Amino acid sequence: FLYFIGALLAMPPLESSRLRFGVWEDSDSHRQFAWQLWGDPRVTRLFQPGASVTRRDTDAKLVAQIAMAADYGVQYWPVFERATGNFVGCCGLRPYTSWPQFDRERLRKVGAAVGLGDRDFEAGVHLVPAAWGRGYASEAMTTLLDA
């Protein structure tokens, strides 16, 4: 299903018919992916309204994603087109303590499936604008929640 930094769980990568999930790495290419995604105000306006984002900010977000995988075994995993290898965004889980009661049971089942017990998680998708309007957000989230 998912593979994690430090081989927390030995499972194959998660894929759909068009998308492949990866794991964030501390590399130049992944720093560029992070900037391409979280440095774009069209993307960040949805979860950081009005914020001015710098490369330092996106590098810090990348480091936080890597740390989350090491600490919890989950992250908003980078997502790529299977056919081209192009980066399209990220999709995943993160521990969350206070959120509306929508589809909570389904997310708990995903957490249990990856060995994280009965914790609350937030599921989310961030896509680069070039990937908008192609059905990738729903495909990635469905793939994650159905795993």
N, C-alpha and C. Protein backbone atom coordinates (compact mmCIF):
# COMPACT_ATOMS: atom_id res chain seq x y z
N PHE A 1 0.84 -1.18 0.00
CA PHE A 1 0.00 0.00 0.00
C PHE A 1 0.88 1.24 0.00
N LEU A 2 1.48 1.63 1.07
CA LEU A 2 2.31 2.83 1.12
C LEU A 2 3.71 2.47 1.60
N TYR A 3 4.71 3.21 1.15
CA TYR A 3 6.03 3.01 1.70
C TYR A 3 6.46 4.27 2.42
N PHE A 4 7.19 4.11 3.50
CA PHE A 4 7.49 5.21 4.39
C PHE A 4 8.98 5.36 4.59
N ILE A 5 9.39 6.58 4.92
CA ILE A 5 10.77 6.84 5.28
C ILE A 5 11.12 5.95 6.47
N GLY A 6 12.31 5.36 6.44
CA GLY A 6 12.72 4.47 7.51
C GLY A 6 12.05 3.12 7.44
N ALA A 7 11.37 2.83 6.35
CA ALA A 7 10.69 1.54 6.15
C ALA A 7 9.82 1.17 7.33
N LEU A 8 8.99 2.16 7.78
CA LEU A 8 8.09 1.88 8.89
C LEU A 8 7.14 0.74 8.58
N LEU A 9 6.70 0.69 7.35
CA LEU A 9 5.88 -0.42 6.90
C LEU A 9 6.42 -0.85 5.54
N ALA A 10 6.62 -2.12 5.34
CA ALA A 10 7.16 -2.61 4.07
C ALA A 10 6.01 -2.98 3.14
N MET A 11 5.52 -1.99 2.41
CA MET A 11 4.42 -2.19 1.48
C MET A 11 4.77 -1.52 0.17
N PRO A 12 4.19 -1.99 -0.94
CA PRO A 12 4.49 -1.35 -2.22
C PRO A 12 3.86 0.04 -2.30
N PRO A 13 4.29 0.88 -3.24
CA PRO A 13 3.73 2.23 -3.38
C PRO A 13 2.25 2.20 -3.75
N LEU A 14 1.55 3.23 -3.36
CA LEU A 14 0.13 3.37 -3.68
C LEU A 14 0.00 3.97 -5.07
N GLU A 15 -0.86 3.37 -5.91
CA GLU A 15 -1.07 3.84 -7.28
C GLU A 15 -2.54 3.74 -7.66
N SER A 16 -2.91 4.56 -8.61
CA SER A 16 -4.22 4.46 -9.26
C SER A 16 -3.95 4.25 -10.75
N SER A 17 -4.98 4.32 -11.55
CA SER A 17 -4.76 4.13 -12.99
C SER A 17 -3.90 5.24 -13.59
N ARG A 18 -3.98 6.46 -13.03
CA ARG A 18 -3.22 7.57 -13.60
C ARG A 18 -2.17 8.17 -12.68
N LEU A 19 -2.21 7.84 -11.39
CA LEU A 19 -1.35 8.51 -10.41
C LEU A 19 -0.50 7.53 -9.63
N ARG A 20 0.66 8.02 -9.19
CA ARG A 20 1.58 7.26 -8.34
C ARG A 20 1.97 8.13 -7.15
N PHE A 21 1.85 7.58 -5.95
CA PHE A 21 2.25 8.28 -4.74
C PHE A 21 3.74 8.01 -4.49
N GLY A 22 4.44 8.98 -3.99
CA GLY A 22 5.84 8.82 -3.59
C GLY A 22 6.00 9.18 -2.13
N VAL A 23 7.22 9.45 -1.72
CA VAL A 23 7.54 9.88 -0.37
C VAL A 23 8.42 11.12 -0.49
N TRP A 24 8.11 12.14 0.29
CA TRP A 24 8.95 13.35 0.25
C TRP A 24 10.37 13.03 0.66
N GLU A 25 11.34 13.60 -0.05
CA GLU A 25 12.76 13.42 0.22
C GLU A 25 13.42 14.78 0.35
N ASP A 26 14.52 14.82 1.09
CA ASP A 26 15.32 16.04 1.19
C ASP A 26 16.27 16.06 0.00
N SER A 27 15.76 16.53 -1.14
CA SER A 27 16.55 16.58 -2.37
C SER A 27 16.22 17.85 -3.13
N ASP A 28 17.09 18.22 -4.04
CA ASP A 28 16.84 19.42 -4.85
C ASP A 28 15.54 19.29 -5.63
N SER A 29 15.29 18.13 -6.21
CA SER A 29 14.07 17.98 -7.01
C SER A 29 12.82 18.11 -6.13
N HIS A 30 12.85 17.57 -4.93
CA HIS A 30 11.68 17.67 -4.06
C HIS A 30 11.52 19.07 -3.49
N ARG A 31 12.63 19.78 -3.27
CA ARG A 31 12.52 21.18 -2.87
C ARG A 31 11.87 21.99 -3.99
N GLN A 32 12.20 21.67 -5.24
CA GLN A 32 11.58 22.34 -6.37
C GLN A 32 10.09 21.99 -6.46
N PHE A 33 9.74 20.73 -6.24
CA PHE A 33 8.32 20.35 -6.23
C PHE A 33 7.57 21.13 -5.14
N ALA A 34 8.18 21.22 -3.94
CA ALA A 34 7.55 21.94 -2.83
C ALA A 34 7.33 23.40 -3.20
N TRP A 35 8.32 24.02 -3.82
CA TRP A 35 8.17 25.42 -4.24
C TRP A 35 7.10 25.56 -5.32
N GLN A 36 7.09 24.64 -6.27
CA GLN A 36 6.11 24.66 -7.35
C GLN A 36 4.69 24.59 -6.79
N LEU A 37 4.51 23.83 -5.74
CA LEU A 37 3.19 23.64 -5.14
C LEU A 37 2.88 24.71 -4.11
N TRP A 38 3.62 24.72 -3.01
CA TRP A 38 3.30 25.59 -1.88
C TRP A 38 3.81 27.01 -2.04
N GLY A 39 4.60 27.26 -3.07
CA GLY A 39 5.04 28.63 -3.35
C GLY A 39 4.09 29.37 -4.27
N ASP A 40 3.09 28.69 -4.77
CA ASP A 40 2.14 29.29 -5.70
C ASP A 40 0.95 29.86 -4.92
N PRO A 41 0.74 31.19 -4.97
CA PRO A 41 -0.36 31.78 -4.20
C PRO A 41 -1.74 31.29 -4.62
N ARG A 42 -1.89 30.77 -5.84
CA ARG A 42 -3.17 30.20 -6.25
C ARG A 42 -3.48 28.94 -5.45
N VAL A 43 -2.45 28.24 -5.01
CA VAL A 43 -2.62 27.04 -4.18
C VAL A 43 -2.76 27.43 -2.72
N THR A 44 -1.84 28.24 -2.23
CA THR A 44 -1.81 28.55 -0.79
C THR A 44 -2.95 29.45 -0.34
N ARG A 45 -3.61 30.16 -1.24
CA ARG A 45 -4.72 31.03 -0.84
C ARG A 45 -5.84 30.23 -0.20
N LEU A 46 -5.88 28.95 -0.48
CA LEU A 46 -6.94 28.10 0.06
C LEU A 46 -6.69 27.66 1.50
N PHE A 47 -5.43 27.64 1.93
CA PHE A 47 -5.16 27.22 3.31
C PHE A 47 -4.22 28.16 4.05
N GLN A 48 -3.68 29.18 3.39
CA GLN A 48 -2.89 30.24 4.02
C GLN A 48 -3.27 31.57 3.38
N PRO A 49 -4.52 32.00 3.53
CA PRO A 49 -4.97 33.21 2.84
C PRO A 49 -4.11 34.42 3.18
N GLY A 50 -3.70 35.14 2.13
CA GLY A 50 -2.94 36.37 2.31
C GLY A 50 -1.49 36.21 2.68
N ALA A 51 -1.03 34.99 2.88
CA ALA A 51 0.36 34.77 3.29
C ALA A 51 1.30 34.96 2.11
N SER A 52 2.43 35.58 2.37
CA SER A 52 3.49 35.68 1.39
C SER A 52 4.45 34.53 1.65
N VAL A 53 4.60 33.64 0.69
CA VAL A 53 5.37 32.41 0.89
C VAL A 53 6.73 32.54 0.21
N THR A 54 7.78 32.18 0.95
CA THR A 54 9.14 32.22 0.42
C THR A 54 9.66 30.80 0.23
N ARG A 55 10.80 30.70 -0.45
CA ARG A 55 11.44 29.38 -0.59
C ARG A 55 11.79 28.79 0.77
N ARG A 56 12.18 29.62 1.68
CA ARG A 56 12.47 29.15 3.04
C ARG A 56 11.23 28.51 3.66
N ASP A 57 10.06 29.11 3.42
CA ASP A 57 8.80 28.56 3.94
C ASP A 57 8.50 27.20 3.32
N THR A 58 8.67 27.10 2.00
CA THR A 58 8.35 25.82 1.35
C THR A 58 9.37 24.75 1.71
N ASP A 59 10.64 25.15 1.90
CA ASP A 59 11.64 24.19 2.38
C ASP A 59 11.27 23.68 3.77
N ALA A 60 10.79 24.59 4.63
CA ALA A 60 10.39 24.20 5.99
C ALA A 60 9.18 23.26 5.94
N LYS A 61 8.25 23.51 5.02
CA LYS A 61 7.09 22.63 4.89
C LYS A 61 7.52 21.24 4.43
N LEU A 62 8.49 21.19 3.52
CA LEU A 62 9.03 19.91 3.06
C LEU A 62 9.67 19.15 4.23
N VAL A 63 10.49 19.84 5.02
CA VAL A 63 11.13 19.21 6.18
C VAL A 63 10.07 18.71 7.16
N ALA A 64 8.99 19.48 7.34
CA ALA A 64 7.91 19.05 8.24
C ALA A 64 7.22 17.80 7.73
N GLN A 65 7.04 17.70 6.41
CA GLN A 65 6.42 16.50 5.84
C GLN A 65 7.31 15.27 6.05
N ILE A 66 8.61 15.45 5.87
CA ILE A 66 9.55 14.35 6.09
C ILE A 66 9.54 13.92 7.56
N ALA A 67 9.51 14.90 8.46
CA ALA A 67 9.47 14.60 9.90
C ALA A 67 8.16 13.91 10.28
N MET A 68 7.05 14.32 9.67
CA MET A 68 5.77 13.68 9.97
C MET A 68 5.80 12.21 9.58
N ALA A 69 6.42 11.91 8.45
CA ALA A 69 6.53 10.50 8.03
C ALA A 69 7.36 9.72 9.02
N ALA A 70 8.45 10.31 9.49
CA ALA A 70 9.32 9.62 10.46
C ALA A 70 8.61 9.45 11.80
N ASP A 71 7.85 10.46 12.22
CA ASP A 71 7.20 10.43 13.53
C ASP A 71 5.90 9.63 13.54
N TYR A 72 5.12 9.73 12.47
CA TYR A 72 3.77 9.15 12.46
C TYR A 72 3.53 8.12 11.36
N GLY A 73 4.44 8.04 10.38
CA GLY A 73 4.24 7.11 9.28
C GLY A 73 3.28 7.60 8.22
N VAL A 74 2.85 8.85 8.32
CA VAL A 74 1.97 9.45 7.32
C VAL A 74 2.50 10.82 6.93
N GLN A 75 2.05 11.30 5.80
CA GLN A 75 2.36 12.65 5.33
C GLN A 75 1.42 12.95 4.18
N TYR A 76 1.48 14.16 3.67
CA TYR A 76 0.82 14.48 2.41
C TYR A 76 1.82 14.07 1.33
N TRP A 77 1.72 12.82 0.87
CA TRP A 77 2.70 12.24 -0.04
C TRP A 77 2.70 12.95 -1.38
N PRO A 78 3.86 13.12 -1.99
CA PRO A 78 3.88 13.70 -3.34
C PRO A 78 3.21 12.74 -4.32
N VAL A 79 2.53 13.32 -5.30
CA VAL A 79 1.78 12.53 -6.27
C VAL A 79 2.27 12.90 -7.67
N PHE A 80 2.46 11.88 -8.51
CA PHE A 80 2.99 12.05 -9.85
C PHE A 80 2.08 11.36 -10.86
N GLU A 81 2.06 11.87 -12.08
CA GLU A 81 1.37 11.17 -13.16
C GLU A 81 2.15 9.91 -13.48
N ARG A 82 1.46 8.80 -13.57
CA ARG A 82 2.15 7.54 -13.91
C ARG A 82 2.72 7.57 -15.32
N ALA A 83 1.97 8.11 -16.26
CA ALA A 83 2.39 8.07 -17.67
C ALA A 83 3.60 8.94 -17.95
N THR A 84 3.68 10.11 -17.29
CA THR A 84 4.74 11.07 -17.61
C THR A 84 5.77 11.25 -16.50
N GLY A 85 5.40 10.91 -15.27
CA GLY A 85 6.26 11.18 -14.12
C GLY A 85 6.17 12.61 -13.63
N ASN A 86 5.29 13.41 -14.24
CA ASN A 86 5.15 14.81 -13.83
C ASN A 86 4.57 14.91 -12.43
N PHE A 87 5.10 15.84 -11.64
CA PHE A 87 4.59 16.14 -10.31
C PHE A 87 3.26 16.85 -10.44
N VAL A 88 2.23 16.37 -9.73
CA VAL A 88 0.92 17.00 -9.78
C VAL A 88 0.49 17.59 -8.45
N GLY A 89 1.15 17.22 -7.35
CA GLY A 89 0.78 17.76 -6.06
C GLY A 89 1.04 16.76 -4.95
N CYS A 90 0.19 16.81 -3.93
CA CYS A 90 0.34 15.87 -2.82
C CYS A 90 -1.03 15.50 -2.29
N CYS A 91 -1.09 14.36 -1.64
CA CYS A 91 -2.32 13.85 -1.06
C CYS A 91 -1.94 12.96 0.11
N GLY A 92 -2.65 13.08 1.20
CA GLY A 92 -2.32 12.20 2.30
C GLY A 92 -3.07 12.48 3.57
N LEU A 93 -2.45 12.04 4.64
CA LEU A 93 -3.01 12.13 5.98
C LEU A 93 -2.04 12.87 6.89
N ARG A 94 -2.60 13.48 7.91
CA ARG A 94 -1.77 14.01 8.99
C ARG A 94 -2.57 13.91 10.28
N PRO A 95 -1.88 13.71 11.39
CA PRO A 95 -2.59 13.66 12.67
C PRO A 95 -3.32 14.99 12.91
N TYR A 96 -4.51 14.90 13.43
CA TYR A 96 -5.30 16.10 13.66
C TYR A 96 -6.11 15.91 14.93
N THR A 97 -6.28 16.97 15.70
CA THR A 97 -6.93 16.83 16.99
C THR A 97 -8.33 17.42 17.05
N SER A 98 -8.66 18.37 16.19
CA SER A 98 -9.96 19.01 16.26
C SER A 98 -10.44 19.32 14.85
N TRP A 99 -11.54 18.69 14.46
CA TRP A 99 -12.06 18.90 13.11
C TRP A 99 -13.52 18.49 13.05
N PRO A 100 -14.24 18.92 12.02
CA PRO A 100 -15.66 18.54 11.89
C PRO A 100 -15.83 17.04 11.76
N GLN A 101 -16.98 16.57 12.09
CA GLN A 101 -17.27 15.13 12.11
C GLN A 101 -17.67 14.59 10.75
N PHE A 102 -16.95 14.92 9.68
CA PHE A 102 -17.29 14.37 8.38
C PHE A 102 -16.38 13.18 8.08
N ASP A 103 -16.98 12.09 7.75
CA ASP A 103 -16.28 10.87 7.34
C ASP A 103 -15.16 10.46 8.32
N ARG A 104 -15.36 10.75 9.59
CA ARG A 104 -14.36 10.44 10.61
C ARG A 104 -14.06 8.95 10.69
N GLU A 105 -15.10 8.14 10.63
CA GLU A 105 -14.90 6.69 10.74
C GLU A 105 -14.06 6.14 9.60
N ARG A 106 -14.29 6.64 8.40
CA ARG A 106 -13.51 6.16 7.25
C ARG A 106 -12.02 6.50 7.42
N LEU A 107 -11.72 7.71 7.91
CA LEU A 107 -10.33 8.09 8.12
C LEU A 107 -9.69 7.27 9.25
N ARG A 108 -10.46 6.97 10.28
CA ARG A 108 -9.93 6.11 11.35
C ARG A 108 -9.58 4.73 10.82
N LYS A 109 -10.39 4.21 9.90
CA LYS A 109 -10.10 2.90 9.30
C LYS A 109 -8.81 2.94 8.49
N VAL A 110 -8.59 4.04 7.76
CA VAL A 110 -7.33 4.19 7.02
C VAL A 110 -6.16 4.22 7.98
N GLY A 111 -6.30 4.97 9.08
CA GLY A 111 -5.24 5.02 10.09
C GLY A 111 -4.95 3.66 10.68
N ALA A 112 -6.00 2.91 10.97
CA ALA A 112 -5.82 1.56 11.51
C ALA A 112 -5.16 0.65 10.48
N ALA A 113 -5.51 0.84 9.19
CA ALA A 113 -4.95 -0.01 8.14
C ALA A 113 -3.44 0.18 7.99
N VAL A 114 -2.94 1.38 8.31
CA VAL A 114 -1.49 1.60 8.22
C VAL A 114 -0.81 1.45 9.58
N GLY A 115 -1.53 0.85 10.54
CA GLY A 115 -0.93 0.52 11.83
C GLY A 115 -0.82 1.68 12.79
N LEU A 116 -1.66 2.71 12.65
CA LEU A 116 -1.57 3.87 13.53
C LEU A 116 -2.66 3.91 14.58
N GLY A 117 -3.42 2.85 14.68
CA GLY A 117 -4.42 2.77 15.72
C GLY A 117 -5.61 3.66 15.48
N ASP A 118 -6.26 4.04 16.56
CA ASP A 118 -7.53 4.74 16.52
C ASP A 118 -7.33 6.24 16.73
N ARG A 119 -6.52 6.88 15.89
CA ARG A 119 -6.26 8.31 15.98
C ARG A 119 -7.12 9.04 14.97
N ASP A 120 -7.28 10.34 15.18
CA ASP A 120 -7.95 11.18 14.20
C ASP A 120 -6.94 11.71 13.21
N PHE A 121 -7.33 11.76 11.95
CA PHE A 121 -6.47 12.25 10.88
C PHE A 121 -7.23 13.26 10.04
N GLU A 122 -6.48 14.16 9.46
CA GLU A 122 -7.00 15.04 8.42
C GLU A 122 -6.51 14.47 7.10
N ALA A 123 -7.39 14.36 6.14
CA ALA A 123 -7.01 13.94 4.80
C ALA A 123 -7.07 15.17 3.91
N GLY A 124 -6.10 15.30 3.02
CA GLY A 124 -6.09 16.47 2.17
C GLY A 124 -5.37 16.26 0.86
N VAL A 125 -5.62 17.17 -0.07
CA VAL A 125 -5.00 17.17 -1.39
C VAL A 125 -4.61 18.60 -1.72
N HIS A 126 -3.40 18.79 -2.21
CA HIS A 126 -2.96 20.06 -2.78
C HIS A 126 -2.45 19.75 -4.18
N LEU A 127 -2.95 20.46 -5.18
CA LEU A 127 -2.51 20.23 -6.56
C LEU A 127 -1.92 21.49 -7.16
N VAL A 128 -0.91 21.31 -8.02
CA VAL A 128 -0.38 22.43 -8.78
C VAL A 128 -1.47 22.86 -9.77
N PRO A 129 -1.55 24.14 -10.08
CA PRO A 129 -2.61 24.61 -10.98
C PRO A 129 -2.66 23.89 -12.33
N ALA A 130 -1.53 23.48 -12.86
CA ALA A 130 -1.53 22.77 -14.15
C ALA A 130 -2.29 21.44 -14.07
N ALA A 131 -2.50 20.93 -12.86
CA ALA A 131 -3.20 19.65 -12.68
C ALA A 131 -4.67 19.84 -12.33
N TRP A 132 -5.12 21.07 -12.17
CA TRP A 132 -6.52 21.33 -11.83
C TRP A 132 -7.43 20.94 -13.00
N GLY A 133 -8.62 20.51 -12.66
CA GLY A 133 -9.63 20.23 -13.67
C GLY A 133 -9.49 18.90 -14.39
N ARG A 134 -8.64 18.05 -13.89
CA ARG A 134 -8.42 16.75 -14.53
C ARG A 134 -8.97 15.57 -13.72
N GLY A 135 -9.56 15.87 -12.57
CA GLY A 135 -10.08 14.81 -11.72
C GLY A 135 -9.03 14.17 -10.83
N TYR A 136 -7.83 14.77 -10.77
CA TYR A 136 -6.75 14.18 -9.98
C TYR A 136 -7.01 14.23 -8.47
N ALA A 137 -7.62 15.31 -7.98
CA ALA A 137 -7.87 15.41 -6.54
C ALA A 137 -8.78 14.29 -6.06
N SER A 138 -9.89 14.08 -6.75
CA SER A 138 -10.80 13.01 -6.32
C SER A 138 -10.19 11.64 -6.54
N GLU A 139 -9.43 11.48 -7.62
CA GLU A 139 -8.78 10.18 -7.87
C GLU A 139 -7.75 9.86 -6.79
N ALA A 140 -6.95 10.85 -6.43
CA ALA A 140 -5.92 10.63 -5.40
C ALA A 140 -6.57 10.32 -4.05
N MET A 141 -7.58 11.11 -3.68
CA MET A 141 -8.23 10.90 -2.37
C MET A 141 -8.96 9.56 -2.33
N THR A 142 -9.64 9.22 -3.39
CA THR A 142 -10.32 7.91 -3.45
C THR A 142 -9.32 6.78 -3.33
N THR A 143 -8.21 6.91 -4.03
CA THR A 143 -7.16 5.88 -3.97
C THR A 143 -6.63 5.73 -2.55
N LEU A 144 -6.41 6.85 -1.88
CA LEU A 144 -5.92 6.82 -0.50
C LEU A 144 -6.95 6.19 0.44
N LEU A 145 -8.18 6.65 0.38
CA LEU A 145 -9.19 6.17 1.31
C LEU A 145 -9.66 4.75 1.05
N ASP A 146 -9.51 4.29 -0.19
CA ASP A 146 -9.90 2.92 -0.51
C ASP A 146 -8.77 1.92 -0.32
N ALA A 147 -7.58 2.40 0.01
CA ALA A 147 -6.41 1.49 0.15
C ALA A 147 -6.60 0.54 1.32
